[in-house]
Amino acid sequence: MTAQSGSIPLSRPQIQPRGLSPAALIAGYASLCLLPLVMAFVLALVHGHEPRDLFRELSGGLIMVAYVMMLAQFVLSGRFESVSGRAGIDRTMRFHQVAGWVVLGAVILHPLLYAAPRLWPNPLDAVTQVHRMFGSAGLRTGVIAWWLTVLLVPLAVWRDRLPFGYEIWRLSHGLFAIAIALFATHHTLRVGTHSADRWLATLWVLATAAAILCMVYIYIAKPLMKRTMPIGCCRTARSPTGPGS
């Protein structure tokens, strides 16, 4: 079809994608991850709490950042255009994968750092402490969240090798993530030293609730909206030059 006077333009106006700029996304993401650390530090100063040993503080701070990163994964995996539309699906999902490995590393280190001071002079003392932590009834929900995270990330990376289809994997991936969030929140509120404060505890409850609502939207509300949304042709027009020109 040739572009002549009175004919329909061949090009369409480009639609600017919605969402935050990459710089705003990075700044917002970093701020969210650091928020619990800042809150814990300020609350410790207000209440006059003495700092624990280095390894305990490092373990607690690391897992708080990782916990926020994990909850933020719920939004990134949802491909919300109003949030990450300008970054693009490829960049968003690539970051989703990288962040998953970072969360996994932090989760694995979390209990090991508690036992690190016992490595000297007898490393077996550290092994014994880790064994006791994993067998403790009071830490059971944290242990469950730990194992689920250890399973979740590798299953996502090697999903093409799994003996079931994408839809089943996607559903199981979402259910695993929700279970991890619930067990981790229970563990944090029950035994977390800094999370014993009501302000930080409220943050975890609200963040977890928001993350789960994202999953409900992704897996239930969004598919239902697509089913009920009518699909049709808005307008047709005939070229003045006729077909095949």
C-alpha atoms as a PDB file:
ATOM      1  CA  MET A   1       0.000   0.000   0.000  1.00  0.00           C
ATOM      2  CA  THR A   2       1.417   3.366  -0.992  1.00  0.00           C
ATOM      3  CA  ALA A   3       0.990   6.474   1.112  1.00  0.00           C
ATOM      4  CA  GLN A   4      -1.131   8.855  -1.000  1.00  0.00           C
ATOM      5  CA  SER A   5      -3.223  11.908  -0.248  1.00  0.00           C
ATOM      6  CA  GLY A   6      -6.325  10.922   1.702  1.00  0.00           C
ATOM      7  CA  SER A   7      -5.050   7.439   2.566  1.00  0.00           C
ATOM      8  CA  ILE A   8      -4.746   6.092   6.102  1.00  0.00           C
ATOM      9  CA  PRO A   9      -1.303   6.710   7.648  1.00  0.00           C
ATOM     10  CA  LEU A  10       0.831   3.615   7.796  1.00  0.00           C
ATOM     11  CA  SER A  11       2.596   4.538  11.041  1.00  0.00           C
ATOM     12  CA  ARG A  12       0.989   4.673  14.458  1.00  0.00           C
ATOM     13  CA  PRO A  13       1.919   7.132  17.158  1.00  0.00           C
ATOM     14  CA  GLN A  14       4.233   5.561  19.705  1.00  0.00           C
ATOM     15  CA  ILE A  15       2.701   5.133  23.136  1.00  0.00           C
ATOM     16  CA  GLN A  16       4.977   6.098  25.991  1.00  0.00           C
ATOM     17  CA  PRO A  17       5.148   3.144  28.418  1.00  0.00           C
ATOM     18  CA  ARG A  18       3.825   3.753  31.889  1.00  0.00           C
ATOM     19  CA  GLY A  19       5.819   3.286  35.040  1.00  0.00           C
ATOM     20  CA  LEU A  20       8.672   4.758  37.000  1.00  0.00           C
ATOM     21  CA  SER A  21      11.991   5.583  35.428  1.00  0.00           C
ATOM     22  CA  PRO A  22      14.825   3.086  36.034  1.00  0.00           C
ATOM     23  CA  ALA A  23      16.549   5.609  38.306  1.00  0.00           C
ATOM     24  CA  ALA A  24      13.390   6.059  40.378  1.00  0.00           C
ATOM     25  CA  LEU A  25      12.921   2.292  40.562  1.00  0.00           C
ATOM     26  CA  ILE A  26      16.466   1.759  41.840  1.00  0.00           C
ATOM     27  CA  ALA A  27      16.160   4.573  44.384  1.00  0.00           C
ATOM     28  CA  GLY A  28      12.798   3.318  45.625  1.00  0.00           C
ATOM     29  CA  TYR A  29      13.976  -0.278  45.795  1.00  0.00           C
ATOM     30  CA  ALA A  30      17.105   0.641  47.738  1.00  0.00           C
ATOM     31  CA  SER A  31      15.090   2.809  50.127  1.00  0.00           C
ATOM     32  CA  LEU A  32      12.648  -0.012  50.843  1.00  0.00           C
ATOM     33  CA  CYS A  33      15.463  -2.474  51.488  1.00  0.00           C
ATOM     34  CA  LEU A  34      17.203  -0.107  53.907  1.00  0.00           C
ATOM     35  CA  LEU A  35      14.020   0.994  55.696  1.00  0.00           C
ATOM     36  CA  PRO A  36      13.945  -1.821  58.299  1.00  0.00           C
ATOM     37  CA  LEU A  37      17.635  -1.289  59.076  1.00  0.00           C
ATOM     38  CA  VAL A  38      17.069   2.413  59.673  1.00  0.00           C
ATOM     39  CA  MET A  39      13.999   1.687  61.801  1.00  0.00           C
ATOM     40  CA  ALA A  40      15.859  -0.934  63.857  1.00  0.00           C
ATOM     41  CA  PHE A  41      18.771   1.454  64.441  1.00  0.00           C
ATOM     42  CA  VAL A  42      16.541   4.356  65.463  1.00  0.00           C
ATOM     43  CA  LEU A  43      14.379   2.188  67.736  1.00  0.00           C
ATOM     44  CA  ALA A  44      17.469   0.738  69.408  1.00  0.00           C
ATOM     45  CA  LEU A  45      18.696   4.266  70.160  1.00  0.00           C
ATOM     46  CA  VAL A  46      15.305   5.366  71.480  1.00  0.00           C
ATOM     47  CA  HIS A  47      14.915   2.378  73.783  1.00  0.00           C
ATOM     48  CA  GLY A  48      18.580   2.271  74.774  1.00  0.00           C
ATOM     49  CA  HIS A  49      19.180  -1.293  73.600  1.00  0.00           C
ATOM     50  CA  GLU A  50      22.758  -2.478  73.798  1.00  0.00           C
ATOM     51  CA  PRO A  51      24.116  -3.860  70.502  1.00  0.00           C
ATOM     52  CA  ARG A  52      24.566  -7.617  70.303  1.00  0.00           C
ATOM     53  CA  ASP A  53      27.755  -9.231  69.047  1.00  0.00           C
ATOM     54  CA  LEU A  54      28.855  -8.451  65.493  1.00  0.00           C
ATOM     55  CA  PHE A  55      27.754 -11.734  63.924  1.00  0.00           C
ATOM     56  CA  ARG A  56      24.244 -11.573  65.387  1.00  0.00           C
ATOM     57  CA  GLU A  57      23.778  -7.994  64.243  1.00  0.00           C
ATOM     58  CA  LEU A  58      25.143  -8.854  60.801  1.00  0.00           C
ATOM     59  CA  SER A  59      22.836 -11.859  60.532  1.00  0.00           C
ATOM     60  CA  GLY A  60      19.804  -9.864  61.644  1.00  0.00           C
ATOM     61  CA  GLY A  61      20.521  -6.926  59.348  1.00  0.00           C
ATOM     62  CA  LEU A  62      21.225  -9.176  56.371  1.00  0.00           C
ATOM     63  CA  ILE A  63      18.022 -11.146  56.732  1.00  0.00           C
ATOM     64  CA  MET A  64      15.914  -7.993  57.159  1.00  0.00           C
ATOM     65  CA  VAL A  65      17.214  -6.620  53.869  1.00  0.00           C
ATOM     66  CA  ALA A  66      16.719  -9.997  52.199  1.00  0.00           C
ATOM     67  CA  TYR A  67      13.182 -10.200  53.569  1.00  0.00           C
ATOM     68  CA  VAL A  68      12.251  -6.867  51.996  1.00  0.00           C
ATOM     69  CA  MET A  69      13.877  -7.982  48.735  1.00  0.00           C
ATOM     70  CA  MET A  70      11.821 -11.168  48.788  1.00  0.00           C
ATOM     71  CA  LEU A  71       8.559  -9.296  49.354  1.00  0.00           C
ATOM     72  CA  ALA A  72       9.467  -6.855  46.573  1.00  0.00           C
ATOM     73  CA  GLN A  73       9.814  -9.877  44.273  1.00  0.00           C
ATOM     74  CA  PHE A  74       6.044 -10.278  44.470  1.00  0.00           C
ATOM     75  CA  VAL A  75       5.633  -6.932  42.725  1.00  0.00           C
ATOM     76  CA  LEU A  76       8.424  -7.459  40.195  1.00  0.00           C
ATOM     77  CA  SER A  77       7.103 -10.864  39.179  1.00  0.00           C
ATOM     78  CA  GLY A  78       3.660  -9.360  38.692  1.00  0.00           C
ATOM     79  CA  ARG A  79       4.892  -7.211  35.800  1.00  0.00           C
ATOM     80  CA  PHE A  80       2.915  -4.186  36.949  1.00  0.00           C
ATOM     81  CA  GLU A  81       3.259  -1.677  34.123  1.00  0.00           C
ATOM     82  CA  SER A  82       2.464   1.222  36.433  1.00  0.00           C
ATOM     83  CA  VAL A  83       5.622   0.360  38.402  1.00  0.00           C
ATOM     84  CA  SER A  84       8.148  -1.194  36.013  1.00  0.00           C
ATOM     85  CA  GLY A  85       6.627  -0.549  32.583  1.00  0.00           C
ATOM     86  CA  ARG A  86       9.370   1.850  31.504  1.00  0.00           C
ATOM     87  CA  ALA A  87      12.128  -0.529  32.606  1.00  0.00           C
ATOM     88  CA  GLY A  88      10.819  -3.224  30.278  1.00  0.00           C
ATOM     89  CA  ILE A  89       9.917  -6.849  30.885  1.00  0.00           C
ATOM     90  CA  ASP A  90      13.392  -8.184  30.032  1.00  0.00           C
ATOM     91  CA  ARG A  91      15.202  -5.976  32.528  1.00  0.00           C
ATOM     92  CA  THR A  92      12.555  -6.563  35.180  1.00  0.00           C
ATOM     93  CA  MET A  93      12.685 -10.339  34.956  1.00  0.00           C
ATOM     94  CA  ARG A  94      16.488 -10.375  34.768  1.00  0.00           C
ATOM     95  CA  PHE A  95      16.633  -8.326  37.958  1.00  0.00           C
ATOM     96  CA  HIS A  96      14.010 -10.635  39.473  1.00  0.00           C
ATOM     97  CA  GLN A  97      16.334 -13.590  38.862  1.00  0.00           C
ATOM     98  CA  VAL A  98      19.455 -11.870  40.205  1.00  0.00           C
ATOM     99  CA  ALA A  99      17.606 -10.673  43.312  1.00  0.00           C
ATOM    100  CA  GLY A 100      16.390 -14.225  43.892  1.00  0.00           C
ATOM    101  CA  TRP A 101      19.981 -15.481  44.118  1.00  0.00           C
ATOM    102  CA  VAL A 102      20.895 -12.645  46.499  1.00  0.00           C
ATOM    103  CA  VAL A 103      17.949 -13.518  48.749  1.00  0.00           C
ATOM    104  CA  LEU A 104      18.926 -17.193  48.676  1.00  0.00           C
ATOM    105  CA  GLY A 105      22.499 -16.377  49.697  1.00  0.00           C
ATOM    106  CA  ALA A 106      21.320 -14.192  52.580  1.00  0.00           C
ATOM    107  CA  VAL A 107      18.885 -16.844  53.789  1.00  0.00           C
ATOM    108  CA  ILE A 108      21.590 -19.524  53.781  1.00  0.00           C
ATOM    109  CA  LEU A 109      24.005 -17.274  55.679  1.00  0.00           C
ATOM    110  CA  HIS A 110      21.425 -16.183  58.272  1.00  0.00           C
ATOM    111  CA  PRO A 111      21.695 -19.192  60.628  1.00  0.00           C
ATOM    112  CA  LEU A 112      25.366 -19.802  59.840  1.00  0.00           C
ATOM    113  CA  LEU A 113      26.368 -16.336  61.046  1.00  0.00           C
ATOM    114  CA  TYR A 114      24.818 -17.063  64.440  1.00  0.00           C
ATOM    115  CA  ALA A 115      27.142 -20.042  64.791  1.00  0.00           C
ATOM    116  CA  ALA A 116      30.216 -18.357  63.308  1.00  0.00           C
ATOM    117  CA  PRO A 117      31.726 -17.239  66.689  1.00  0.00           C
ATOM    118  CA  ARG A 118      31.884 -20.905  67.749  1.00  0.00           C
ATOM    119  CA  LEU A 119      34.098 -21.896  64.830  1.00  0.00           C
ATOM    120  CA  TRP A 120      37.111 -21.159  67.009  1.00  0.00           C
ATOM    121  CA  PRO A 121      38.629 -23.023  68.764  1.00  0.00           C
ATOM    122  CA  ASN A 122      36.361 -26.016  68.034  1.00  0.00           C
ATOM    123  CA  PRO A 123      34.415 -25.932  64.724  1.00  0.00           C
ATOM    124  CA  LEU A 124      32.251 -28.805  65.912  1.00  0.00           C
ATOM    125  CA  ASP A 125      30.637 -26.419  68.403  1.00  0.00           C
ATOM    126  CA  ALA A 126      29.379 -24.336  65.484  1.00  0.00           C
ATOM    127  CA  VAL A 127      28.011 -27.429  63.746  1.00  0.00           C
ATOM    128  CA  THR A 128      26.264 -28.450  66.948  1.00  0.00           C
ATOM    129  CA  GLN A 129      24.658 -25.027  67.332  1.00  0.00           C
ATOM    130  CA  VAL A 130      23.349 -25.058  63.735  1.00  0.00           C
ATOM    131  CA  HIS A 131      21.939 -28.545  64.339  1.00  0.00           C
ATOM    132  CA  ARG A 132      20.194 -27.350  67.487  1.00  0.00           C
ATOM    133  CA  MET A 133      18.725 -24.329  65.714  1.00  0.00           C
ATOM    134  CA  PHE A 134      17.297 -26.450  62.912  1.00  0.00           C
ATOM    135  CA  GLY A 135      15.837 -28.885  65.455  1.00  0.00           C
ATOM    136  CA  SER A 136      14.363 -26.244  67.766  1.00  0.00           C
ATOM    137  CA  ALA A 137      10.581 -26.205  68.023  1.00  0.00           C
ATOM    138  CA  GLY A 138      10.632 -22.450  68.622  1.00  0.00           C
ATOM    139  CA  LEU A 139      12.390 -21.869  65.302  1.00  0.00           C
ATOM    140  CA  ARG A 140      10.301 -24.321  63.284  1.00  0.00           C
ATOM    141  CA  THR A 141       8.528 -21.780  61.064  1.00  0.00           C
ATOM    142  CA  GLY A 142      11.850 -20.135  60.266  1.00  0.00           C
ATOM    143  CA  VAL A 143      13.351 -23.510  59.345  1.00  0.00           C
ATOM    144  CA  ILE A 144      10.405 -24.254  57.061  1.00  0.00           C
ATOM    145  CA  ALA A 145      10.822 -20.866  55.352  1.00  0.00           C
ATOM    146  CA  TRP A 146      14.567 -21.565  55.036  1.00  0.00           C
ATOM    147  CA  TRP A 147      14.056 -24.907  53.274  1.00  0.00           C
ATOM    148  CA  LEU A 148      11.301 -23.565  51.034  1.00  0.00           C
ATOM    149  CA  THR A 149      13.600 -20.741  49.893  1.00  0.00           C
ATOM    150  CA  VAL A 150      16.438 -23.193  49.240  1.00  0.00           C
ATOM    151  CA  LEU A 151      14.035 -25.156  47.019  1.00  0.00           C
ATOM    152  CA  LEU A 152      12.287 -22.217  45.367  1.00  0.00           C
ATOM    153  CA  VAL A 153      15.216 -20.521  43.631  1.00  0.00           C
ATOM    154  CA  PRO A 154      16.804 -23.616  42.020  1.00  0.00           C
ATOM    155  CA  LEU A 155      13.380 -24.829  40.874  1.00  0.00           C
ATOM    156  CA  ALA A 156      12.863 -21.464  39.177  1.00  0.00           C
ATOM    157  CA  VAL A 157      16.275 -21.526  37.497  1.00  0.00           C
ATOM    158  CA  TRP A 158      15.957 -25.068  36.170  1.00  0.00           C
ATOM    159  CA  ARG A 159      12.215 -25.098  35.569  1.00  0.00           C
ATOM    160  CA  ASP A 160      12.686 -26.224  31.958  1.00  0.00           C
ATOM    161  CA  ARG A 161      13.997 -29.544  33.268  1.00  0.00           C
ATOM    162  CA  LEU A 162      11.018 -30.187  35.529  1.00  0.00           C
ATOM    163  CA  PRO A 163       8.568 -32.973  34.545  1.00  0.00           C
ATOM    164  CA  PHE A 164       5.545 -30.654  34.332  1.00  0.00           C
ATOM    165  CA  GLY A 165       4.412 -27.673  32.305  1.00  0.00           C
ATOM    166  CA  TYR A 166       4.859 -23.953  32.771  1.00  0.00           C
ATOM    167  CA  GLU A 167       1.397 -23.278  34.229  1.00  0.00           C
ATOM    168  CA  ILE A 168       1.839 -25.859  36.988  1.00  0.00           C
ATOM    169  CA  TRP A 169       5.310 -24.515  37.758  1.00  0.00           C
ATOM    170  CA  ARG A 170       4.037 -20.926  37.818  1.00  0.00           C
ATOM    171  CA  LEU A 171       1.253 -21.827  40.255  1.00  0.00           C
ATOM    172  CA  SER A 172       3.632 -23.787  42.497  1.00  0.00           C
ATOM    173  CA  HIS A 173       6.135 -20.908  42.346  1.00  0.00           C
ATOM    174  CA  GLY A 174       3.492 -18.496  43.596  1.00  0.00           C
ATOM    175  CA  LEU A 175       2.280 -20.844  46.346  1.00  0.00           C
ATOM    176  CA  PHE A 176       5.852 -21.448  47.508  1.00  0.00           C
ATOM    177  CA  ALA A 177       6.444 -17.696  47.677  1.00  0.00           C
ATOM    178  CA  ILE A 178       3.282 -17.094  49.702  1.00  0.00           C
ATOM    179  CA  ALA A 179       4.174 -19.919  52.106  1.00  0.00           C
ATOM    180  CA  ILE A 180       7.675 -18.504  52.572  1.00  0.00           C
ATOM    181  CA  ALA A 181       6.268 -15.050  53.313  1.00  0.00           C
ATOM    182  CA  LEU A 182       3.821 -16.388  55.915  1.00  0.00           C
ATOM    183  CA  PHE A 183       6.296 -18.680  57.676  1.00  0.00           C
ATOM    184  CA  ALA A 184       9.040 -16.040  57.605  1.00  0.00           C
ATOM    185  CA  THR A 185       6.716 -13.396  59.032  1.00  0.00           C
ATOM    186  CA  HIS A 186       5.640 -15.698  61.856  1.00  0.00           C
ATOM    187  CA  HIS A 187       9.289 -16.522  62.602  1.00  0.00           C
ATOM    188  CA  THR A 188      10.304 -12.857  62.546  1.00  0.00           C
ATOM    189  CA  LEU A 189       7.500 -11.738  64.844  1.00  0.00           C
ATOM    190  CA  ARG A 190       8.098 -14.606  67.256  1.00  0.00           C
ATOM    191  CA  VAL A 191      11.861 -14.587  67.733  1.00  0.00           C
ATOM    192  CA  GLY A 192      13.140 -11.441  66.018  1.00  0.00           C
ATOM    193  CA  THR A 193      14.938  -9.189  68.487  1.00  0.00           C
ATOM    194  CA  HIS A 194      14.377  -5.935  66.613  1.00  0.00           C
ATOM    195  CA  SER A 195      10.946  -7.020  65.369  1.00  0.00           C
ATOM    196  CA  ALA A 196       9.710  -7.252  68.950  1.00  0.00           C
ATOM    197  CA  ASP A 197       9.093  -3.526  68.668  1.00  0.00           C
ATOM    198  CA  ARG A 198       5.532  -2.829  67.537  1.00  0.00           C
ATOM    199  CA  TRP A 199       6.606  -0.356  64.837  1.00  0.00           C
ATOM    200  CA  LEU A 200       8.887  -2.788  63.069  1.00  0.00           C
ATOM    201  CA  ALA A 201       6.404  -5.616  63.623  1.00  0.00           C
ATOM    202  CA  THR A 202       3.699  -3.495  61.992  1.00  0.00           C
ATOM    203  CA  LEU A 203       5.980  -2.897  59.010  1.00  0.00           C
ATOM    204  CA  TRP A 204       6.430  -6.649  58.480  1.00  0.00           C
ATOM    205  CA  VAL A 205       2.722  -7.369  58.768  1.00  0.00           C
ATOM    206  CA  LEU A 206       1.755  -4.611  56.325  1.00  0.00           C
ATOM    207  CA  ALA A 207       4.517  -5.507  53.859  1.00  0.00           C
ATOM    208  CA  THR A 208       3.575  -9.184  53.919  1.00  0.00           C
ATOM    209  CA  ALA A 209      -0.115  -8.393  53.480  1.00  0.00           C
ATOM    210  CA  ALA A 210       0.664  -6.115  50.526  1.00  0.00           C
ATOM    211  CA  ALA A 211       2.846  -8.789  48.899  1.00  0.00           C
ATOM    212  CA  ILE A 212       0.159 -11.452  49.274  1.00  0.00           C
ATOM    213  CA  LEU A 213      -2.465  -9.089  47.842  1.00  0.00           C
ATOM    214  CA  CYS A 214      -0.205  -8.677  44.804  1.00  0.00           C
ATOM    215  CA  MET A 215      -0.182 -12.438  44.357  1.00  0.00           C
ATOM    216  CA  VAL A 216      -3.960 -12.625  44.705  1.00  0.00           C
ATOM    217  CA  TYR A 217      -4.246 -10.005  41.978  1.00  0.00           C
ATOM    218  CA  ILE A 218      -1.745 -11.789  39.715  1.00  0.00           C
ATOM    219  CA  TYR A 219      -3.146 -15.302  40.063  1.00  0.00           C
ATOM    220  CA  ILE A 220      -6.867 -14.686  40.635  1.00  0.00           C
ATOM    221  CA  ALA A 221      -8.104 -11.174  39.927  1.00  0.00           C
ATOM    222  CA  LYS A 222      -6.100 -10.510  36.757  1.00  0.00           C
ATOM    223  CA  PRO A 223      -7.101 -13.779  34.973  1.00  0.00           C
ATOM    224  CA  LEU A 224     -10.749 -13.195  35.891  1.00  0.00           C
ATOM    225  CA  MET A 225     -10.599  -9.655  34.527  1.00  0.00           C
ATOM    226  CA  LYS A 226      -9.158 -10.938  31.258  1.00  0.00           C
ATOM    227  CA  ARG A 227     -11.930 -13.515  30.926  1.00  0.00           C
ATOM    228  CA  THR A 228     -14.683 -10.971  31.434  1.00  0.00           C
ATOM    229  CA  MET A 229     -13.053  -8.268  29.311  1.00  0.00           C
ATOM    230  CA  PRO A 230     -14.732  -8.049  25.888  1.00  0.00           C
ATOM    231  CA  ILE A 231     -12.433  -8.283  22.887  1.00  0.00           C
ATOM    232  CA  GLY A 232     -13.519  -6.752  19.618  1.00  0.00           C
ATOM    233  CA  CYS A 233     -12.615  -4.549  16.720  1.00  0.00           C
ATOM    234  CA  CYS A 234     -12.919  -0.881  17.488  1.00  0.00           C
ATOM    235  CA  ARG A 235     -12.919   0.502  13.929  1.00  0.00           C
ATOM    236  CA  THR A 236     -12.303  -0.574  10.366  1.00  0.00           C
ATOM    237  CA  ALA A 237     -11.519   1.616   7.385  1.00  0.00           C
ATOM    238  CA  ARG A 238     -11.068   1.029   3.656  1.00  0.00           C
ATOM    239  CA  SER A 239      -8.089   2.475   1.883  1.00  0.00           C
ATOM    240  CA  PRO A 240      -9.053   4.897  -0.908  1.00  0.00           C
ATOM    241  CA  THR A 241      -6.547   3.210  -3.199  1.00  0.00           C
ATOM    242  CA  GLY A 242      -8.171  -0.153  -2.783  1.00  0.00           C
ATOM    243  CA  PRO A 243      -6.720  -3.470  -1.675  1.00  0.00           C
ATOM    244  CA  GLY A 244      -3.339  -4.610  -2.825  1.00  0.00           C
ATOM    245  CA  SER A 245      -2.086  -1.162  -3.761  1.00  0.00           C
END
